[in-house]
């Protein structure tokens, strides 16, 4: 929304900041791993997601700072998360060489895309509208499905 910023750190917290004042509005706690690797706002700004070394994706309410969902299923740390345009689905990529597609409302894992090669740690995930199999990374490679 241009008025707030989000950060994730090695202290296992996600922080929501006021862009105008620089003050921290919320400290979101719940991750247990060594750090937060990825955060992303929902399109409407009402929720955000975080991926962590604790192997989970967490969905947060940005108004009150409450954790709405904890998405479990990855067997290694999560290093990239993304919202689908419209906010109905979430994608997460893990060091377990999988990409998972989640229902953003109830946390159900809708699909697991497995890669036979190691996914690079600088890989970022994105969901194309209405297409659950359109995934690519900043490393310039497509994720084979």
N, C-alpha and C. Protein backbone atom coordinates (compact mmCIF):
# COMPACT_ATOMS: atom_id res chain seq x y z
N UNK A 1 0.82 -1.21 0.00
CA UNK A 1 0.00 0.00 0.00
C UNK A 1 0.86 1.27 0.00
N UNK A 2 2.17 1.11 0.04
CA UNK A 2 3.06 2.26 0.01
C UNK A 2 3.23 2.96 1.34
N UNK A 3 2.42 2.58 2.33
CA UNK A 3 2.51 3.22 3.64
C UNK A 3 3.20 2.35 4.67
N UNK A 4 3.40 1.06 4.34
CA UNK A 4 4.04 0.15 5.28
C UNK A 4 5.12 -0.66 4.57
N UNK A 5 6.11 -1.03 5.34
CA UNK A 5 7.18 -1.90 4.87
C UNK A 5 7.21 -3.14 5.75
N UNK A 6 7.77 -4.21 5.23
CA UNK A 6 7.89 -5.43 6.03
C UNK A 6 9.32 -5.94 5.94
N UNK A 7 9.79 -6.50 7.06
CA UNK A 7 11.12 -7.09 7.08
C UNK A 7 11.07 -8.40 7.86
N UNK A 8 11.97 -9.29 7.52
CA UNK A 8 12.12 -10.54 8.24
C UNK A 8 13.59 -10.69 8.59
N UNK A 9 13.86 -11.21 9.77
CA UNK A 9 15.24 -11.25 10.20
C UNK A 9 15.68 -12.54 10.85
N UNK A 10 16.94 -12.54 11.23
CA UNK A 10 17.52 -13.71 11.88
C UNK A 10 17.02 -13.89 13.30
N UNK A 11 16.31 -12.90 13.83
CA UNK A 11 15.72 -13.02 15.18
C UNK A 11 14.39 -13.76 15.17
N UNK A 12 14.01 -14.34 14.01
CA UNK A 12 12.79 -15.14 13.85
C UNK A 12 11.51 -14.30 13.86
N UNK A 13 11.62 -13.00 13.70
CA UNK A 13 10.44 -12.14 13.69
C UNK A 13 10.23 -11.52 12.32
N UNK A 14 8.97 -11.20 12.07
CA UNK A 14 8.58 -10.40 10.92
C UNK A 14 8.12 -9.07 11.50
N UNK A 15 8.60 -7.98 10.94
CA UNK A 15 8.24 -6.66 11.46
C UNK A 15 7.56 -5.84 10.37
N UNK A 16 6.46 -5.18 10.78
CA UNK A 16 5.74 -4.28 9.88
C UNK A 16 6.06 -2.87 10.34
N UNK A 17 6.52 -2.05 9.40
CA UNK A 17 7.00 -0.70 9.69
C UNK A 17 6.14 0.35 8.99
N UNK A 18 5.99 1.50 9.63
CA UNK A 18 5.38 2.65 8.99
C UNK A 18 6.44 3.29 8.09
N UNK A 19 6.12 3.46 6.81
CA UNK A 19 7.07 4.06 5.88
C UNK A 19 7.27 5.54 6.18
N UNK A 20 6.25 6.21 6.69
CA UNK A 20 6.37 7.65 6.94
C UNK A 20 7.11 7.98 8.23
N UNK A 21 6.81 7.23 9.30
CA UNK A 21 7.44 7.54 10.59
C UNK A 21 8.67 6.69 10.89
N UNK A 22 8.79 5.55 10.22
CA UNK A 22 9.89 4.64 10.51
C UNK A 22 9.68 3.80 11.76
N UNK A 23 8.52 3.92 12.37
CA UNK A 23 8.23 3.15 13.59
C UNK A 23 7.73 1.75 13.25
N UNK A 24 8.06 0.84 14.14
CA UNK A 24 7.60 -0.53 14.01
C UNK A 24 6.16 -0.61 14.51
N UNK A 25 5.24 -1.06 13.64
CA UNK A 25 3.82 -1.17 14.01
C UNK A 25 3.50 -2.52 14.63
N UNK A 26 4.12 -3.58 14.13
CA UNK A 26 3.87 -4.93 14.63
C UNK A 26 5.15 -5.74 14.61
N UNK A 27 5.33 -6.55 15.63
CA UNK A 27 6.38 -7.57 15.65
C UNK A 27 5.66 -8.90 15.65
N UNK A 28 5.79 -9.65 14.56
CA UNK A 28 5.07 -10.89 14.39
C UNK A 28 5.98 -12.05 14.78
N UNK A 29 5.57 -12.79 15.80
CA UNK A 29 6.38 -13.88 16.30
C UNK A 29 5.66 -15.20 16.10
N UNK A 30 6.41 -16.24 15.91
CA UNK A 30 5.83 -17.57 15.73
C UNK A 30 6.77 -18.51 15.01
N UNK A 31 7.64 -17.98 14.17
CA UNK A 31 8.64 -18.83 13.52
C UNK A 31 9.66 -19.28 14.56
N UNK A 32 10.19 -20.48 14.35
CA UNK A 32 11.15 -21.02 15.30
C UNK A 32 12.51 -21.30 14.68
N UNK A 33 12.65 -21.14 13.38
CA UNK A 33 13.92 -21.42 12.71
C UNK A 33 14.91 -20.30 12.91
N UNK A 34 16.04 -20.43 12.26
CA UNK A 34 17.13 -19.47 12.43
C UNK A 34 16.91 -18.15 11.71
N UNK A 35 15.88 -18.04 10.93
CA UNK A 35 15.64 -16.77 10.26
C UNK A 35 14.49 -16.82 9.29
N UNK A 36 14.06 -15.63 8.91
CA UNK A 36 13.00 -15.45 7.92
C UNK A 36 13.70 -15.19 6.59
N UNK A 37 13.38 -15.98 5.57
CA UNK A 37 14.05 -15.85 4.28
C UNK A 37 13.25 -15.08 3.24
N UNK A 38 11.93 -15.03 3.39
CA UNK A 38 11.11 -14.39 2.38
C UNK A 38 9.82 -13.88 2.99
N UNK A 39 9.37 -12.72 2.55
CA UNK A 39 8.08 -12.16 2.96
C UNK A 39 7.39 -11.59 1.73
N UNK A 40 6.06 -11.57 1.75
CA UNK A 40 5.30 -11.02 0.63
C UNK A 40 3.94 -10.53 1.11
N UNK A 41 3.55 -9.36 0.63
CA UNK A 41 2.23 -8.78 0.92
C UNK A 41 1.18 -9.40 0.02
N UNK A 42 -0.03 -9.53 0.53
CA UNK A 42 -1.16 -9.87 -0.34
C UNK A 42 -1.47 -8.63 -1.18
N UNK A 43 -2.16 -8.84 -2.28
CA UNK A 43 -2.47 -7.74 -3.20
C UNK A 43 -3.23 -6.60 -2.51
N UNK A 44 -4.15 -6.94 -1.60
CA UNK A 44 -4.93 -5.90 -0.93
C UNK A 44 -4.27 -5.36 0.34
N UNK A 45 -3.12 -5.92 0.71
CA UNK A 45 -2.37 -5.43 1.87
C UNK A 45 -2.89 -5.90 3.22
N UNK A 46 -3.92 -6.74 3.22
CA UNK A 46 -4.51 -7.17 4.50
C UNK A 46 -3.77 -8.34 5.14
N UNK A 47 -2.98 -9.05 4.35
CA UNK A 47 -2.24 -10.21 4.86
C UNK A 47 -0.83 -10.20 4.30
N UNK A 48 0.04 -10.87 5.01
CA UNK A 48 1.36 -11.12 4.46
C UNK A 48 1.76 -12.53 4.79
N UNK A 49 2.74 -13.04 4.04
CA UNK A 49 3.25 -14.38 4.27
C UNK A 49 4.74 -14.30 4.51
N UNK A 50 5.22 -15.28 5.28
CA UNK A 50 6.65 -15.36 5.55
C UNK A 50 7.10 -16.82 5.43
N UNK A 51 8.29 -17.00 4.88
CA UNK A 51 8.89 -18.32 4.78
C UNK A 51 10.16 -18.35 5.61
N UNK A 52 10.41 -19.47 6.27
CA UNK A 52 11.47 -19.51 7.26
C UNK A 52 12.28 -20.80 7.22
N UNK A 53 13.38 -20.74 7.92
CA UNK A 53 14.22 -21.92 8.07
C UNK A 53 13.53 -22.99 8.93
N UNK A 54 12.44 -22.64 9.61
CA UNK A 54 11.71 -23.64 10.40
C UNK A 54 10.82 -24.54 9.55
N UNK A 55 10.92 -24.40 8.21
CA UNK A 55 10.21 -25.25 7.24
C UNK A 55 8.73 -24.89 7.08
N UNK A 56 8.32 -23.74 7.59
CA UNK A 56 6.91 -23.35 7.49
C UNK A 56 6.74 -22.06 6.70
N UNK A 57 5.51 -21.88 6.26
CA UNK A 57 5.04 -20.60 5.73
C UNK A 57 3.97 -20.14 6.70
N UNK A 58 4.03 -18.88 7.11
CA UNK A 58 3.00 -18.38 8.01
C UNK A 58 2.26 -17.23 7.33
N UNK A 59 0.95 -17.21 7.55
CA UNK A 59 0.07 -16.18 7.00
C UNK A 59 -0.34 -15.27 8.15
N UNK A 60 -0.16 -13.97 7.97
CA UNK A 60 -0.38 -12.99 9.03
C UNK A 60 -1.44 -11.98 8.65
N UNK A 61 -2.22 -11.55 9.64
CA UNK A 61 -3.17 -10.44 9.50
C UNK A 61 -2.37 -9.17 9.76
N UNK A 62 -2.31 -8.27 8.79
CA UNK A 62 -1.48 -7.08 8.94
C UNK A 62 -2.13 -5.99 9.79
N UNK A 63 -3.43 -6.10 10.05
CA UNK A 63 -4.08 -5.10 10.89
C UNK A 63 -3.79 -5.32 12.38
N UNK A 64 -3.83 -6.59 12.80
CA UNK A 64 -3.65 -6.86 14.23
C UNK A 64 -2.40 -7.67 14.56
N UNK A 65 -1.70 -8.15 13.54
CA UNK A 65 -0.47 -8.91 13.77
C UNK A 65 -0.66 -10.36 14.14
N UNK A 66 -1.88 -10.87 14.07
CA UNK A 66 -2.14 -12.26 14.43
C UNK A 66 -1.73 -13.22 13.31
N UNK A 67 -1.25 -14.39 13.71
CA UNK A 67 -0.96 -15.45 12.76
C UNK A 67 -2.28 -16.13 12.41
N UNK A 68 -2.62 -16.16 11.13
CA UNK A 68 -3.87 -16.76 10.68
C UNK A 68 -3.71 -18.24 10.34
N UNK A 69 -2.58 -18.60 9.74
CA UNK A 69 -2.33 -19.98 9.31
C UNK A 69 -0.85 -20.29 9.41
N UNK A 70 -0.54 -21.53 9.73
CA UNK A 70 0.82 -22.06 9.63
C UNK A 70 0.76 -23.19 8.62
N UNK A 71 1.49 -23.05 7.51
CA UNK A 71 1.47 -24.03 6.43
C UNK A 71 2.67 -24.96 6.60
N UNK A 72 2.39 -26.22 6.85
CA UNK A 72 3.43 -27.22 7.10
C UNK A 72 3.42 -28.27 6.00
N UNK A 73 4.59 -28.74 5.63
CA UNK A 73 4.70 -29.79 4.63
C UNK A 73 6.10 -29.86 4.04
N UNK A 74 6.79 -28.73 3.99
CA UNK A 74 8.16 -28.75 3.50
C UNK A 74 9.04 -29.50 4.50
N UNK A 75 10.06 -30.16 3.99
CA UNK A 75 10.97 -30.91 4.86
C UNK A 75 12.33 -30.22 5.00
N UNK A 76 12.45 -29.02 4.47
CA UNK A 76 13.65 -28.23 4.63
C UNK A 76 13.23 -26.76 4.59
N UNK A 77 14.18 -25.86 4.76
CA UNK A 77 13.84 -24.45 4.91
C UNK A 77 13.18 -23.87 3.66
N UNK A 78 12.30 -22.90 3.90
CA UNK A 78 11.53 -22.24 2.85
C UNK A 78 12.24 -20.93 2.50
N UNK A 79 12.64 -20.78 1.23
CA UNK A 79 13.37 -19.57 0.88
C UNK A 79 12.68 -18.64 -0.09
N UNK A 80 11.49 -18.96 -0.54
CA UNK A 80 10.76 -18.02 -1.37
C UNK A 80 9.26 -18.26 -1.22
N UNK A 81 8.49 -17.18 -1.08
CA UNK A 81 7.04 -17.25 -0.99
C UNK A 81 6.43 -16.19 -1.90
N UNK A 82 5.23 -16.47 -2.40
CA UNK A 82 4.55 -15.51 -3.28
C UNK A 82 3.05 -15.73 -3.23
N UNK A 83 2.33 -14.64 -3.46
CA UNK A 83 0.87 -14.68 -3.57
C UNK A 83 0.49 -14.76 -5.04
N UNK A 84 -0.59 -15.45 -5.31
CA UNK A 84 -1.22 -15.36 -6.61
C UNK A 84 -1.99 -14.04 -6.66
N UNK A 85 -2.03 -13.41 -7.82
CA UNK A 85 -2.85 -12.20 -7.96
C UNK A 85 -4.28 -12.57 -7.60
N UNK A 86 -4.89 -11.79 -6.73
CA UNK A 86 -6.23 -12.09 -6.24
C UNK A 86 -6.21 -12.70 -4.85
N UNK A 87 -5.06 -13.24 -4.45
CA UNK A 87 -4.89 -13.71 -3.08
C UNK A 87 -5.51 -15.04 -2.72
N UNK A 88 -5.87 -15.85 -3.71
CA UNK A 88 -6.50 -17.13 -3.41
C UNK A 88 -5.49 -18.25 -3.15
N UNK A 89 -4.29 -18.12 -3.74
CA UNK A 89 -3.28 -19.17 -3.59
C UNK A 89 -1.93 -18.56 -3.21
N UNK A 90 -1.13 -19.41 -2.56
CA UNK A 90 0.22 -19.06 -2.14
C UNK A 90 1.15 -20.11 -2.74
N UNK A 91 2.33 -19.69 -3.15
CA UNK A 91 3.37 -20.63 -3.59
C UNK A 91 4.56 -20.50 -2.66
N UNK A 92 5.21 -21.61 -2.38
CA UNK A 92 6.43 -21.60 -1.57
C UNK A 92 7.44 -22.55 -2.18
N UNK A 93 8.71 -22.15 -2.14
CA UNK A 93 9.80 -22.98 -2.64
C UNK A 93 10.72 -23.27 -1.48
N UNK A 94 11.19 -24.52 -1.42
CA UNK A 94 11.99 -24.97 -0.29
C UNK A 94 13.28 -25.62 -0.76
N UNK A 95 14.21 -25.69 0.17
CA UNK A 95 15.46 -26.41 -0.06
C UNK A 95 15.23 -27.92 -0.14
N UNK A 96 14.00 -28.37 0.05
CA UNK A 96 13.68 -29.79 -0.15
C UNK A 96 13.40 -30.09 -1.64
N UNK A 97 13.66 -29.11 -2.51
CA UNK A 97 13.49 -29.22 -3.96
C UNK A 97 12.04 -29.37 -4.39
N UNK A 98 11.14 -28.76 -3.61
CA UNK A 98 9.73 -28.75 -3.99
C UNK A 98 9.20 -27.32 -4.00
N UNK A 99 8.16 -27.16 -4.79
CA UNK A 99 7.34 -25.96 -4.75
C UNK A 99 5.96 -26.43 -4.36
N UNK A 100 5.38 -25.80 -3.36
CA UNK A 100 4.04 -26.16 -2.91
C UNK A 100 3.08 -25.02 -3.22
N UNK A 101 1.89 -25.39 -3.66
CA UNK A 101 0.82 -24.44 -3.91
C UNK A 101 -0.22 -24.66 -2.82
N UNK A 102 -0.58 -23.59 -2.12
CA UNK A 102 -1.46 -23.67 -0.95
C UNK A 102 -2.73 -22.85 -1.20
N UNK A 103 -3.82 -23.29 -0.60
CA UNK A 103 -5.03 -22.47 -0.53
C UNK A 103 -4.79 -21.42 0.54
N UNK A 104 -4.89 -20.15 0.18
CA UNK A 104 -4.57 -19.07 1.10
C UNK A 104 -5.62 -18.86 2.18
N UNK A 105 -6.79 -19.45 2.02
CA UNK A 105 -7.85 -19.26 3.01
C UNK A 105 -7.89 -20.33 4.08
N UNK A 106 -7.61 -21.58 3.70
CA UNK A 106 -7.68 -22.65 4.70
C UNK A 106 -6.35 -23.38 4.92
N UNK A 107 -5.32 -23.04 4.13
CA UNK A 107 -4.01 -23.63 4.31
C UNK A 107 -3.81 -24.99 3.70
N UNK A 108 -4.80 -25.50 2.97
CA UNK A 108 -4.67 -26.82 2.36
C UNK A 108 -3.59 -26.78 1.28
N UNK A 109 -2.74 -27.81 1.27
CA UNK A 109 -1.75 -27.94 0.21
C UNK A 109 -2.47 -28.49 -1.02
N UNK A 110 -2.49 -27.69 -2.10
CA UNK A 110 -3.22 -28.07 -3.30
C UNK A 110 -2.37 -28.88 -4.27
N UNK A 111 -1.07 -28.62 -4.26
CA UNK A 111 -0.20 -29.28 -5.22
C UNK A 111 1.24 -29.24 -4.72
N UNK A 112 1.98 -30.30 -4.98
CA UNK A 112 3.41 -30.35 -4.70
C UNK A 112 4.12 -30.60 -6.02
N UNK A 113 4.97 -29.67 -6.40
CA UNK A 113 5.76 -29.80 -7.61
C UNK A 113 7.17 -30.18 -7.20
N UNK A 114 7.62 -31.35 -7.62
CA UNK A 114 8.93 -31.83 -7.23
C UNK A 114 9.93 -31.63 -8.36
N UNK A 115 11.14 -31.27 -7.99
CA UNK A 115 12.21 -31.06 -8.95
C UNK A 115 13.27 -32.12 -8.71
N UNK A 116 13.75 -32.73 -9.77
CA UNK A 116 14.77 -33.77 -9.63
C UNK A 116 16.16 -33.17 -9.46
N UNK A 117 16.32 -31.91 -9.81
CA UNK A 117 17.60 -31.22 -9.61
C UNK A 117 17.48 -30.31 -8.41
N UNK A 118 18.60 -29.92 -7.88
CA UNK A 118 18.61 -28.98 -6.76
C UNK A 118 18.09 -27.63 -7.23
N UNK A 119 17.16 -27.05 -6.48
CA UNK A 119 16.65 -25.72 -6.80
C UNK A 119 17.64 -24.72 -6.21
N UNK A 120 18.14 -23.77 -7.02
CA UNK A 120 19.12 -22.81 -6.48
C UNK A 120 18.54 -21.96 -5.36
N UNK A 121 19.36 -21.61 -4.39
CA UNK A 121 18.91 -20.84 -3.23
C UNK A 121 18.45 -19.45 -3.61
N UNK A 122 18.84 -18.93 -4.78
CA UNK A 122 18.39 -17.60 -5.19
C UNK A 122 17.12 -17.66 -6.03
N UNK A 123 16.51 -18.82 -6.08
CA UNK A 123 15.27 -19.04 -6.83
C UNK A 123 14.13 -18.27 -6.18
N UNK A 124 13.35 -17.57 -6.97
CA UNK A 124 12.16 -16.89 -6.47
C UNK A 124 10.95 -17.43 -7.22
N UNK A 125 9.87 -17.59 -6.50
CA UNK A 125 8.68 -18.18 -7.08
C UNK A 125 7.67 -17.08 -7.39
N UNK A 126 6.86 -17.32 -8.44
CA UNK A 126 5.76 -16.42 -8.78
C UNK A 126 4.63 -17.27 -9.34
N UNK A 127 3.42 -16.88 -9.07
CA UNK A 127 2.24 -17.58 -9.59
C UNK A 127 1.57 -16.73 -10.64
N UNK A 128 1.35 -17.31 -11.79
CA UNK A 128 0.61 -16.62 -12.84
C UNK A 128 -0.89 -16.83 -12.59
N UNK A 129 -1.72 -15.83 -12.84
CA UNK A 129 -3.17 -15.99 -12.62
C UNK A 129 -3.73 -17.17 -13.42
N UNK A 130 -4.51 -17.99 -12.74
CA UNK A 130 -5.22 -19.11 -13.35
C UNK A 130 -4.31 -20.20 -13.90
N UNK A 131 -3.04 -20.15 -13.60
CA UNK A 131 -2.12 -21.18 -14.09
C UNK A 131 -1.30 -21.67 -12.91
N UNK A 132 -1.52 -22.91 -12.49
CA UNK A 132 -0.80 -23.41 -11.32
C UNK A 132 0.56 -23.98 -11.68
N UNK A 133 0.89 -24.09 -12.97
CA UNK A 133 2.16 -24.70 -13.35
C UNK A 133 3.09 -23.73 -14.05
N UNK A 134 2.92 -22.44 -13.88
CA UNK A 134 3.78 -21.46 -14.52
C UNK A 134 4.73 -20.88 -13.48
N UNK A 135 5.87 -21.51 -13.33
CA UNK A 135 6.81 -21.12 -12.29
C UNK A 135 8.17 -20.88 -12.90
N UNK A 136 8.84 -19.81 -12.50
CA UNK A 136 10.19 -19.58 -12.97
C UNK A 136 10.99 -18.88 -11.88
N UNK A 137 12.30 -18.91 -12.01
CA UNK A 137 13.16 -18.35 -10.98
C UNK A 137 14.06 -17.28 -11.51
N UNK A 138 14.61 -16.48 -10.61
CA UNK A 138 15.49 -15.41 -11.04
C UNK A 138 16.81 -15.93 -11.53
N UNK A 139 17.09 -17.20 -11.32
CA UNK A 139 18.32 -17.78 -11.82
C UNK A 139 18.25 -17.97 -13.34
N UNK A 140 17.09 -17.68 -13.94
CA UNK A 140 16.92 -17.79 -15.38
C UNK A 140 16.46 -19.16 -15.83
N UNK A 141 16.24 -20.06 -14.90
CA UNK A 141 15.79 -21.40 -15.24
C UNK A 141 14.31 -21.54 -14.94
N UNK A 142 13.65 -22.38 -15.72
CA UNK A 142 12.28 -22.76 -15.39
C UNK A 142 12.32 -23.98 -14.49
N UNK A 143 11.32 -24.09 -13.63
CA UNK A 143 11.20 -25.26 -12.77
C UNK A 143 10.51 -26.36 -13.56
N UNK A 144 11.21 -27.47 -13.84
CA UNK A 144 10.56 -28.54 -14.59
C UNK A 144 9.41 -29.15 -13.80
N UNK A 145 8.32 -29.44 -14.48
CA UNK A 145 7.15 -30.01 -13.82
C UNK A 145 6.87 -31.37 -14.41
